[in-house]
C-alpha atoms as a PDB file:
ATOM      1  CA  UNK A   1     -78.633  23.812  59.723  1.00  0.00           C
ATOM      2  CA  UNK A   2     -79.781  20.849  58.231  1.00  0.00           C
ATOM      3  CA  UNK A   3     -79.428  17.863  60.335  1.00  0.00           C
ATOM      4  CA  UNK A   4     -80.535  15.347  57.491  1.00  0.00           C
ATOM      5  CA  UNK A   5     -77.270  14.516  55.799  1.00  0.00           C
ATOM      6  CA  UNK A   6     -76.850  12.585  52.789  1.00  0.00           C
ATOM      7  CA  UNK A   7     -73.419  10.926  52.788  1.00  0.00           C
ATOM      8  CA  UNK A   8     -71.410   8.842  50.101  1.00  0.00           C
ATOM      9  CA  UNK A   9     -68.166   6.888  50.435  1.00  0.00           C
ATOM     10  CA  UNK A  10     -65.208   8.507  48.835  1.00  0.00           C
ATOM     11  CA  UNK A  11     -64.929   5.431  46.519  1.00  0.00           C
ATOM     12  CA  UNK A  12     -68.541   5.400  45.416  1.00  0.00           C
ATOM     13  CA  UNK A  13     -69.148   5.546  41.718  1.00  0.00           C
ATOM     14  CA  UNK A  14     -70.829   8.669  40.359  1.00  0.00           C
ATOM     15  CA  UNK A  15     -73.651   6.140  39.405  1.00  0.00           C
ATOM     16  CA  UNK A  16     -74.093   5.066  43.098  1.00  0.00           C
ATOM     17  CA  UNK A  17     -73.805   8.857  44.233  1.00  0.00           C
ATOM     18  CA  UNK A  18     -76.556   9.858  41.892  1.00  0.00           C
ATOM     19  CA  UNK A  19     -78.825   6.864  43.225  1.00  0.00           C
ATOM     20  CA  UNK A  20     -78.306   7.759  46.834  1.00  0.00           C
ATOM     21  CA  UNK A  21     -78.880  11.576  46.197  1.00  0.00           C
ATOM     22  CA  UNK A  22     -82.152  10.528  44.251  1.00  0.00           C
ATOM     23  CA  UNK A  23     -83.407   8.190  47.073  1.00  0.00           C
ATOM     24  CA  UNK A  24     -82.798  10.882  49.703  1.00  0.00           C
ATOM     25  CA  UNK A  25     -84.171  13.718  47.622  1.00  0.00           C
ATOM     26  CA  UNK A  26     -80.865  15.490  48.226  1.00  0.00           C
ATOM     27  CA  UNK A  27     -79.356  18.258  46.413  1.00  0.00           C
ATOM     28  CA  UNK A  28     -76.035  17.534  47.644  1.00  0.00           C
ATOM     29  CA  UNK A  29     -73.955  14.700  49.356  1.00  0.00           C
ATOM     30  CA  UNK A  30     -71.063  14.728  51.795  1.00  0.00           C
ATOM     31  CA  UNK A  31     -68.194  12.673  50.567  1.00  0.00           C
ATOM     32  CA  UNK A  32     -66.942  10.861  53.628  1.00  0.00           C
ATOM     33  CA  UNK A  33     -63.317   9.336  53.862  1.00  0.00           C
ATOM     34  CA  UNK A  34     -62.305   6.100  55.598  1.00  0.00           C
ATOM     35  CA  UNK A  35     -61.713   8.188  58.793  1.00  0.00           C
ATOM     36  CA  UNK A  36     -65.505   9.367  58.766  1.00  0.00           C
ATOM     37  CA  UNK A  37     -64.233  12.930  58.017  1.00  0.00           C
ATOM     38  CA  UNK A  38     -65.697  15.020  55.373  1.00  0.00           C
ATOM     39  CA  UNK A  39     -63.583  14.786  52.189  1.00  0.00           C
ATOM     40  CA  UNK A  40     -65.753  16.855  49.936  1.00  0.00           C
ATOM     41  CA  UNK A  41     -69.016  17.866  48.624  1.00  0.00           C
ATOM     42  CA  UNK A  42     -71.060  16.907  45.708  1.00  0.00           C
ATOM     43  CA  UNK A  43     -73.937  18.885  44.498  1.00  0.00           C
ATOM     44  CA  UNK A  44     -76.433  18.345  41.644  1.00  0.00           C
ATOM     45  CA  UNK A  45     -74.658  20.989  39.421  1.00  0.00           C
ATOM     46  CA  UNK A  46     -71.474  19.062  39.874  1.00  0.00           C
ATOM     47  CA  UNK A  47     -73.162  16.010  38.378  1.00  0.00           C
ATOM     48  CA  UNK A  48     -74.826  17.861  35.524  1.00  0.00           C
ATOM     49  CA  UNK A  49     -71.308  19.145  34.632  1.00  0.00           C
ATOM     50  CA  UNK A  50     -69.948  15.704  34.923  1.00  0.00           C
ATOM     51  CA  UNK A  51     -72.427  14.327  32.405  1.00  0.00           C
ATOM     52  CA  UNK A  52     -71.984  17.344  29.918  1.00  0.00           C
ATOM     53  CA  UNK A  53     -68.184  16.291  29.700  1.00  0.00           C
ATOM     54  CA  UNK A  54     -69.394  12.758  28.710  1.00  0.00           C
ATOM     55  CA  UNK A  55     -67.682  10.808  31.525  1.00  0.00           C
ATOM     56  CA  UNK A  56     -68.605   7.349  32.569  1.00  0.00           C
ATOM     57  CA  UNK A  57     -70.656   7.358  35.879  1.00  0.00           C
ATOM     58  CA  UNK A  58     -69.950   3.837  36.500  1.00  0.00           C
ATOM     59  CA  UNK A  59     -66.107   4.149  36.611  1.00  0.00           C
ATOM     60  CA  UNK A  60     -65.478   7.630  37.883  1.00  0.00           C
ATOM     61  CA  UNK A  61     -65.496   7.968  41.838  1.00  0.00           C
ATOM     62  CA  UNK A  62     -66.883  10.363  44.259  1.00  0.00           C
ATOM     63  CA  UNK A  63     -63.510  11.721  45.341  1.00  0.00           C
ATOM     64  CA  UNK A  64     -62.683  12.730  41.662  1.00  0.00           C
ATOM     65  CA  UNK A  65     -65.886  14.833  41.213  1.00  0.00           C
ATOM     66  CA  UNK A  66     -66.469  16.442  44.753  1.00  0.00           C
ATOM     67  CA  UNK A  67     -65.346  19.903  45.842  1.00  0.00           C
ATOM     68  CA  UNK A  68     -62.387  19.124  47.909  1.00  0.00           C
ATOM     69  CA  UNK A  69     -62.043  22.430  49.913  1.00  0.00           C
ATOM     70  CA  UNK A  70     -64.751  21.863  52.428  1.00  0.00           C
ATOM     71  CA  UNK A  71     -65.408  24.806  54.850  1.00  0.00           C
ATOM     72  CA  UNK A  72     -66.302  23.678  58.279  1.00  0.00           C
ATOM     73  CA  UNK A  73     -67.727  25.537  61.147  1.00  0.00           C
ATOM     74  CA  UNK A  74     -68.842  24.764  64.680  1.00  0.00           C
ATOM     75  CA  UNK A  75     -72.351  24.569  65.678  1.00  0.00           C
ATOM     76  CA  UNK A  76     -72.047  27.770  67.695  1.00  0.00           C
ATOM     77  CA  UNK A  77     -70.845  29.861  64.646  1.00  0.00           C
ATOM     78  CA  UNK A  78     -73.244  32.630  63.873  1.00  0.00           C
ATOM     79  CA  UNK A  79     -75.437  32.713  60.749  1.00  0.00           C
ATOM     80  CA  UNK A  80     -73.910  35.956  59.937  1.00  0.00           C
ATOM     81  CA  UNK A  81     -70.284  34.585  60.080  1.00  0.00           C
ATOM     82  CA  UNK A  82     -71.517  31.324  58.182  1.00  0.00           C
ATOM     83  CA  UNK A  83     -72.796  33.579  55.510  1.00  0.00           C
ATOM     84  CA  UNK A  84     -69.892  35.712  55.247  1.00  0.00           C
ATOM     85  CA  UNK A  85     -67.731  32.533  54.798  1.00  0.00           C
ATOM     86  CA  UNK A  86     -69.995  31.338  51.994  1.00  0.00           C
ATOM     87  CA  UNK A  87     -69.595  34.548  50.123  1.00  0.00           C
ATOM     88  CA  UNK A  88     -65.762  34.939  50.661  1.00  0.00           C
ATOM     89  CA  UNK A  89     -65.164  31.445  49.429  1.00  0.00           C
ATOM     90  CA  UNK A  90     -68.077  31.508  46.838  1.00  0.00           C
ATOM     91  CA  UNK A  91     -69.540  28.253  47.960  1.00  0.00           C
ATOM     92  CA  UNK A  92     -72.994  26.970  48.639  1.00  0.00           C
ATOM     93  CA  UNK A  93     -72.541  24.556  51.413  1.00  0.00           C
ATOM     94  CA  UNK A  94     -70.761  24.633  54.763  1.00  0.00           C
ATOM     95  CA  UNK A  95     -70.414  21.605  56.825  1.00  0.00           C
ATOM     96  CA  UNK A  96     -71.227  21.929  60.619  1.00  0.00           C
ATOM     97  CA  UNK A  97     -68.825  19.866  62.792  1.00  0.00           C
ATOM     98  CA  UNK A  98     -68.136  19.279  66.514  1.00  0.00           C
ATOM     99  CA  UNK A  99     -64.947  17.550  67.681  1.00  0.00           C
ATOM    100  CA  UNK A 100     -64.510  16.477  63.847  1.00  0.00           C
ATOM    101  CA  UNK A 101     -67.933  14.907  64.067  1.00  0.00           C
ATOM    102  CA  UNK A 102     -70.353  16.060  61.315  1.00  0.00           C
ATOM    103  CA  UNK A 103     -73.482  17.465  62.907  1.00  0.00           C
ATOM    104  CA  UNK A 104     -75.102  18.934  59.793  1.00  0.00           C
ATOM    105  CA  UNK A 105     -74.735  21.278  56.803  1.00  0.00           C
ATOM    106  CA  UNK A 106     -75.861  24.756  55.831  1.00  0.00           C
ATOM    107  CA  UNK A 107     -76.738  25.639  52.281  1.00  0.00           C
ATOM    108  CA  UNK A 108     -77.407  28.893  50.676  1.00  0.00           C
ATOM    109  CA  UNK A 109     -80.961  27.733  50.109  1.00  0.00           C
ATOM    110  CA  UNK A 110     -81.308  27.679  53.834  1.00  0.00           C
ATOM    111  CA  UNK A 111     -80.402  31.466  54.164  1.00  0.00           C
ATOM    112  CA  UNK A 112     -82.949  32.150  51.459  1.00  0.00           C
ATOM    113  CA  UNK A 113     -85.619  30.081  53.287  1.00  0.00           C
ATOM    114  CA  UNK A 114     -84.867  31.919  56.652  1.00  0.00           C
ATOM    115  CA  UNK A 115     -84.987  35.428  54.734  1.00  0.00           C
ATOM    116  CA  UNK A 116     -88.476  34.567  53.406  1.00  0.00           C
ATOM    117  CA  UNK A 117     -89.718  33.385  56.773  1.00  0.00           C
ATOM    118  CA  UNK A 118     -88.696  36.668  58.354  1.00  0.00           C
ATOM    119  CA  UNK A 119     -89.637  39.095  55.536  1.00  0.00           C
ATOM    120  CA  UNK A 120     -92.878  37.664  54.132  1.00  0.00           C
END
């Protein structure tokens, strides 16, 4: 689990989202709603596709671009179960929450890194 989480507001423009992600050197950002819950996830591939469609990053909002079906698990969910959920839902990020508070995020790259640590 990565505890360094980049977050953006649900109403931030895509232009602002890109600047925040760049400044944090993040490959994704959690889109946070007014109640501080995770509304969605935006990744760099989402932004690339956004630009391919020729949309305006100064007018489009984070909530319009993000993946809305966020899968959340608790900190005690096993790595195996987390990986199974990622494969089942064909997603690259799972949000770790405890009592509705965001604790971290797990990405498919995290699993690749762990695999390499154990098998190199």
